[in-house]
Amino acid sequence: MVISYAKVSGFTYNGSGGNTAGVILPIDATRVCEDARVRVAKDIGFSETVFVDEIVETERGLRIKLNYYTPEARVDICGHATIACLGYLFEGGLLSGGKERGKEGGAEGRAEGELELVCGRVKFEFVEGQVFMQQIPVTVDNELESRSLIALRECLNISEEDLDVSVFEPCVASTGLRDVQVCLKNEECLDGLAPDFVKMTALSETLDVVGVHVSVLCGEGRVKVRNFAPRYAIDEESATGTSNCALAGVLGKRGGMEWGGVKTFEQGDGMGEPSRITVRLGGSESEPAWVGGKWKVVENNSVLI
């Protein structure tokens, strides 16, 4: 059986970079049973592949059912794959207000609706050439206990002095996917990270997190980040929507970002895949944030299963 898919990058920057995802439309998604989907994602070879299982026009507007798979397992949500998927649907005219357009997300027109995900229903919208998806309100666990802190420093190969605890203490946060959030003191430390992925996988399993999201406040409002998820066979991600949305929530709770504020996170530059992820925090910590960015359709392809 041949399954068609699109290769689409989410959270692109100046027409390049971003994080690539596979997008499978309903005509093919409905032909792949649950047991075969991880194998399809593995054969396609991207960090995440999203199956568009249903697009329905309801009285309240569009409702799109999405399911996400890595080469190793099903996951509840994926920010860059969602941005890539919605951009592809919009560009192909499959969403109300969409139209054929150029090579990168930036089309005229407007579309909005609701996504049906494993973790719940969230809204989406297109604003000024960017796709935004609503996130569930951020949850932040207590700071890591001493044993986990030691394991964290060991897997990142950093010292206690490298941590910028004046911004926030290392903690687990989530807007759908759990990550360890870590803030470092300077860009040099962030850029020079050489993680021990075996140790990081063990820590991720112990804490039941997807991975480790490392950030640094660079001044003039800039925030630079790196994301590691070896537990799911992803050493480093070039763009991660949910992790940056959770980071924004942590900054909001710790006074590093205003509720209702907007911030763009820089990611993937050191990988040669520069990405920009924009987060709009809700007006309070109980309100959901929105994460968004641009997209680029790379190619259409197929895989034999």
Protein backbone atom coordinates (compact mmCIF):
# COMPACT_ATOMS: atom_id res chain seq x y z
CA MET A 1 0.00 0.00 0.00
CA VAL A 2 1.32 3.44 -0.97
CA ILE A 3 0.71 6.32 1.46
CA SER A 4 1.13 9.90 0.27
CA TYR A 5 2.51 12.54 2.62
CA ALA A 6 3.80 16.10 2.57
CA LYS A 7 7.13 17.26 3.94
CA VAL A 8 6.45 20.59 5.66
CA SER A 9 8.59 22.72 7.96
CA GLY A 10 6.99 24.52 10.90
CA PHE A 11 8.36 27.64 12.66
CA THR A 12 10.50 28.72 9.70
CA TYR A 13 12.61 31.89 9.70
CA ASN A 14 13.18 34.04 6.61
CA GLY A 15 12.01 31.24 4.35
CA SER A 16 14.24 28.50 5.71
CA GLY A 17 14.98 26.45 8.81
CA GLY A 18 12.16 25.35 11.05
CA ASN A 19 11.41 21.77 12.05
CA THR A 20 10.22 19.29 9.45
CA ALA A 21 7.16 17.10 9.93
CA GLY A 22 5.27 14.63 7.82
CA VAL A 23 1.63 15.47 7.08
CA ILE A 24 -0.80 12.75 5.99
CA LEU A 25 -4.23 13.86 4.74
CA PRO A 26 -7.49 12.04 5.61
CA ILE A 27 -7.67 10.16 2.30
CA ASP A 28 -4.52 8.27 3.32
CA ALA A 29 -4.62 8.64 7.12
CA THR A 30 -7.86 6.67 7.39
CA ARG A 31 -6.21 3.76 5.53
CA VAL A 32 -3.48 3.31 8.15
CA CYS A 33 -4.49 1.40 11.28
CA GLU A 34 -3.25 2.45 14.70
CA ASP A 35 -0.76 -0.41 14.96
CA ALA A 36 0.93 0.59 11.69
CA ARG A 37 1.23 4.32 12.30
CA VAL A 38 4.47 4.29 14.27
CA ARG A 39 6.00 2.17 11.52
CA VAL A 40 4.84 4.69 8.90
CA ALA A 41 6.31 7.54 10.94
CA LYS A 42 9.58 5.63 11.20
CA ASP A 43 9.66 4.96 7.45
CA ILE A 44 8.97 8.62 6.67
CA GLY A 45 11.81 9.48 9.02
CA PHE A 46 10.92 12.84 10.57
CA SER A 47 10.87 13.48 14.30
CA GLU A 48 7.06 13.67 14.12
CA THR A 49 4.39 12.79 11.57
CA VAL A 50 0.84 14.05 11.95
CA PHE A 51 -2.18 12.13 10.67
CA VAL A 52 -5.14 14.34 9.72
CA ASP A 53 -7.93 11.93 10.55
CA GLU A 54 -10.88 14.24 9.96
CA ILE A 55 -11.79 17.73 8.74
CA VAL A 56 -15.39 18.62 9.59
CA GLU A 57 -17.40 21.80 9.11
CA THR A 58 -19.61 22.22 12.20
CA GLU A 59 -22.01 24.89 13.39
CA ARG A 60 -19.14 26.34 15.44
CA GLY A 61 -16.69 26.26 12.52
CA LEU A 62 -13.96 23.91 11.37
CA ARG A 63 -12.94 20.95 13.53
CA ILE A 64 -9.80 19.03 12.63
CA LYS A 65 -8.82 15.75 14.27
CA LEU A 66 -5.05 15.22 14.51
CA ASN A 67 -2.91 12.39 15.84
CA TYR A 68 0.88 12.52 16.20
CA TYR A 69 3.56 9.84 15.97
CA THR A 70 7.33 9.76 16.40
CA PRO A 71 9.44 6.90 14.99
CA GLU A 72 9.15 5.34 18.46
CA ALA A 73 5.69 6.07 19.85
CA ARG A 74 2.46 8.02 19.69
CA VAL A 75 2.54 11.43 21.41
CA ASP A 76 -0.33 13.60 22.59
CA ILE A 77 0.62 16.83 20.82
CA CYS A 78 3.39 18.39 18.74
CA GLY A 79 3.68 22.13 18.16
CA HIS A 80 5.82 22.26 15.02
CA ALA A 81 3.90 19.43 13.35
CA THR A 82 0.63 21.26 14.03
CA ILE A 83 1.92 24.53 12.57
CA ALA A 84 3.27 22.65 9.55
CA CYS A 85 0.02 20.73 9.10
CA LEU A 86 -2.30 23.71 9.39
CA GLY A 87 -0.10 25.75 7.05
CA TYR A 88 -0.22 22.94 4.49
CA LEU A 89 -4.01 22.64 4.75
CA PHE A 90 -4.40 26.42 4.48
CA GLU A 91 -2.08 26.70 1.50
CA GLY A 92 -3.89 23.91 -0.29
CA GLY A 93 -7.26 25.60 0.16
CA LEU A 94 -8.54 22.88 2.49
CA LEU A 95 -9.42 25.38 5.22
CA SER A 96 -11.94 28.19 4.91
CA GLY A 97 -10.06 31.34 3.90
CA GLY A 98 -7.05 29.44 2.58
CA LYS A 99 -5.62 30.03 -0.88
CA GLU A 100 -2.77 29.00 -3.13
CA ARG A 101 0.25 31.10 -2.26
CA GLY A 102 4.04 31.37 -2.29
CA LYS A 103 6.77 29.23 -0.80
CA GLU A 104 6.49 30.26 2.84
CA GLY A 105 3.58 30.86 5.22
CA GLY A 106 2.40 34.41 4.71
CA ALA A 107 -0.79 34.05 2.73
CA GLU A 108 -3.57 36.55 2.73
CA GLY A 109 -6.93 35.35 3.99
CA ARG A 110 -7.99 34.05 7.37
CA ALA A 111 -9.11 30.76 8.86
CA GLU A 112 -9.89 29.61 12.35
CA GLY A 113 -11.38 26.62 14.08
CA GLU A 114 -10.81 23.88 16.62
CA LEU A 115 -8.35 21.01 16.86
CA GLU A 116 -9.40 17.67 18.35
CA LEU A 117 -6.33 16.18 20.03
CA VAL A 118 -5.70 13.32 22.44
CA CYS A 119 -5.07 15.87 25.21
CA GLY A 120 -8.27 17.83 24.50
CA ARG A 121 -9.70 20.42 22.14
CA VAL A 122 -7.85 23.64 21.39
CA LYS A 123 -8.44 26.52 18.99
CA PHE A 124 -6.34 27.61 16.04
CA GLU A 125 -6.20 30.75 13.91
CA PHE A 126 -4.18 32.42 11.17
CA VAL A 127 -2.95 35.94 11.99
CA GLU A 128 -0.75 38.10 9.75
CA GLY A 129 0.77 35.19 7.88
CA GLN A 130 1.38 33.01 10.93
CA VAL A 131 -0.47 29.98 12.28
CA PHE A 132 -1.31 30.05 15.97
CA MET A 133 -2.61 27.19 18.07
CA GLN A 134 -4.01 27.47 21.56
CA GLN A 135 -2.32 25.50 24.32
CA ILE A 136 -3.78 24.14 27.53
CA PRO A 137 -2.83 26.30 30.56
CA VAL A 138 0.72 25.65 31.72
CA THR A 139 1.33 23.43 34.72
CA VAL A 140 4.60 23.74 36.63
CA ASP A 141 5.74 21.06 39.07
CA ASN A 142 7.89 21.79 42.08
CA GLU A 143 11.59 22.39 41.46
CA LEU A 144 13.67 19.25 40.99
CA GLU A 145 14.90 17.48 44.10
CA SER A 146 18.64 17.33 44.74
CA ARG A 147 19.15 13.86 43.25
CA SER A 148 17.43 14.84 40.00
CA LEU A 149 19.35 18.13 39.90
CA ILE A 150 22.64 16.26 40.08
CA ALA A 151 21.49 13.89 37.32
CA LEU A 152 20.39 16.88 35.22
CA ARG A 153 23.77 18.58 35.51
CA GLU A 154 25.52 15.32 34.67
CA CYS A 155 23.46 14.67 31.55
CA LEU A 156 24.02 18.25 30.33
CA ASN A 157 27.69 18.20 31.37
CA ILE A 158 27.38 21.52 33.22
CA SER A 159 28.23 22.78 36.70
CA GLU A 160 25.91 24.21 39.33
CA GLU A 161 27.36 27.67 38.56
CA ASP A 162 26.11 27.44 34.95
CA LEU A 163 22.46 27.47 36.09
CA ASP A 164 20.71 30.85 36.24
CA VAL A 165 18.43 30.21 39.20
CA SER A 166 17.72 33.95 39.45
CA VAL A 167 15.39 33.47 36.47
CA PHE A 168 13.93 30.14 37.61
CA GLU A 169 15.03 26.90 39.25
CA PRO A 170 15.04 23.79 37.02
CA CYS A 171 11.52 22.36 37.02
CA VAL A 172 9.10 20.24 35.03
CA ALA A 173 6.49 22.20 33.06
CA SER A 174 3.86 21.29 30.49
CA THR A 175 1.29 22.68 28.10
CA GLY A 176 0.55 19.18 26.83
CA LEU A 177 3.99 17.56 26.88
CA ARG A 178 6.17 17.44 29.99
CA ASP A 179 9.72 18.79 29.74
CA VAL A 180 12.43 19.68 32.22
CA GLN A 181 12.92 23.45 31.89
CA VAL A 182 16.45 24.75 32.56
CA CYS A 183 17.83 28.30 32.38
CA LEU A 184 21.56 28.93 31.88
CA LYS A 185 23.59 32.09 32.50
CA ASN A 186 25.00 32.78 29.04
CA GLU A 187 24.88 31.91 25.34
CA GLU A 188 28.37 30.40 25.35
CA CYS A 189 27.26 27.74 27.81
CA LEU A 190 24.11 27.02 25.81
CA ASP A 191 25.93 26.84 22.48
CA GLY A 192 28.62 24.58 23.93
CA LEU A 193 26.30 21.98 25.46
CA ALA A 194 27.39 18.40 24.77
CA PRO A 195 24.71 16.26 26.45
CA ASP A 196 25.15 12.66 27.52
CA PHE A 197 22.07 11.24 25.82
CA VAL A 198 22.18 7.91 27.64
CA LYS A 199 22.03 9.68 31.00
CA MET A 200 19.41 12.12 29.68
CA THR A 201 17.21 9.25 28.53
CA ALA A 202 17.43 7.68 31.98
CA LEU A 203 16.53 10.98 33.66
CA SER A 204 13.63 11.52 31.24
CA GLU A 205 12.24 8.10 32.06
CA THR A 206 12.63 8.68 35.80
CA LEU A 207 10.82 12.03 35.66
CA ASP A 208 8.41 10.85 32.93
CA VAL A 209 9.22 13.77 30.64
CA VAL A 210 9.71 14.04 26.89
CA GLY A 211 13.07 15.74 27.27
CA VAL A 212 15.06 18.74 28.45
CA HIS A 213 14.44 22.31 27.24
CA VAL A 214 17.38 24.63 27.91
CA SER A 215 17.16 28.42 27.62
CA VAL A 216 19.14 31.61 28.18
CA LEU A 217 17.92 35.21 28.41
CA CYS A 218 20.21 37.13 26.05
CA GLY A 219 19.13 40.72 26.74
CA GLU A 220 17.00 43.08 24.66
CA GLY A 221 14.11 40.64 25.06
CA ARG A 222 15.86 37.80 23.23
CA VAL A 223 15.51 34.22 24.45
CA LYS A 224 17.62 31.48 22.88
CA VAL A 225 16.78 27.81 23.44
CA ARG A 226 17.83 24.24 22.70
CA ASN A 227 15.68 21.13 23.09
CA PHE A 228 16.78 17.52 23.61
CA ALA A 229 14.49 14.46 23.54
CA PRO A 230 16.62 11.29 23.30
CA ARG A 231 13.95 9.27 25.08
CA TYR A 232 11.99 9.50 21.82
CA ALA A 233 15.04 8.98 19.57
CA ILE A 234 15.42 12.74 18.98
CA ASP A 235 18.82 14.00 20.07
CA GLU A 236 17.96 17.64 19.37
CA GLU A 237 14.92 19.44 17.93
CA SER A 238 15.31 22.58 15.80
CA ALA A 239 11.90 23.99 16.78
CA THR A 240 9.48 23.02 19.55
CA GLY A 241 6.19 24.82 20.08
CA THR A 242 4.90 23.14 23.23
CA SER A 243 8.25 23.38 25.03
CA ASN A 244 8.60 27.09 24.32
CA CYS A 245 5.01 27.70 25.33
CA ALA A 246 5.70 25.94 28.63
CA LEU A 247 8.88 28.01 29.03
CA ALA A 248 6.87 31.19 28.53
CA GLY A 249 4.46 29.99 31.22
CA VAL A 250 7.35 29.37 33.63
CA LEU A 251 8.70 32.86 32.88
CA GLY A 252 5.23 34.27 33.50
CA LYS A 253 4.90 32.52 36.84
CA ARG A 254 8.43 33.59 37.88
CA GLY A 255 8.12 37.22 36.77
CA GLY A 256 10.28 36.93 33.67
CA MET A 257 7.45 37.65 31.22
CA GLU A 258 4.24 39.64 31.57
CA TRP A 259 0.89 37.88 31.38
CA GLY A 260 -0.66 38.88 28.08
CA GLY A 261 2.82 39.50 26.64
CA VAL A 262 4.33 38.23 23.40
CA LYS A 263 7.82 36.80 22.99
CA THR A 264 9.66 35.13 20.11
CA PHE A 265 12.06 32.30 20.95
CA GLU A 266 15.18 31.57 18.87
CA GLN A 267 15.97 27.92 18.24
CA GLY A 268 17.83 25.71 15.79
CA ASP A 269 20.50 28.22 14.69
CA GLY A 270 23.36 25.99 15.79
CA MET A 271 21.84 23.10 13.81
CA GLY A 272 21.71 25.13 10.61
CA GLU A 273 17.89 25.19 10.90
CA PRO A 274 17.09 28.66 12.28
CA SER A 275 13.59 28.73 13.73
CA ARG A 276 11.42 31.35 15.39
CA ILE A 277 8.56 30.43 17.71
CA THR A 278 6.16 33.14 18.89
CA VAL A 279 4.24 32.73 22.15
CA ARG A 280 1.33 34.90 23.30
CA LEU A 281 0.68 34.37 27.00
CA GLY A 282 -2.86 34.54 28.33
CA GLY A 283 -3.92 37.46 30.49
CA SER A 284 -3.35 35.37 33.64
CA GLU A 285 -1.72 32.07 34.55
CA SER A 286 -5.09 30.31 34.40
CA GLU A 287 -5.66 31.37 30.78
CA PRO A 288 -4.24 29.38 27.86
CA ALA A 289 -1.33 30.67 25.82
CA TRP A 290 -1.01 30.59 22.04
CA VAL A 291 2.04 29.45 20.09
CA GLY A 292 2.62 30.20 16.44
CA GLY A 293 4.93 30.75 13.53
CA LYS A 294 5.37 30.42 9.78
CA TRP A 295 5.63 27.33 7.64
CA LYS A 296 7.14 26.12 4.38
CA VAL A 297 5.92 23.28 2.18
CA VAL A 298 9.04 21.43 1.03
CA GLU A 299 7.69 18.61 -1.12
CA ASN A 300 5.03 15.95 -1.61
CA ASN A 301 6.14 12.34 -1.48
CA SER A 302 4.95 8.81 -0.75
CA VAL A 303 5.99 5.76 1.24
CA LEU A 304 5.29 2.07 0.64
CA ILE A 305 4.02 0.14 3.67
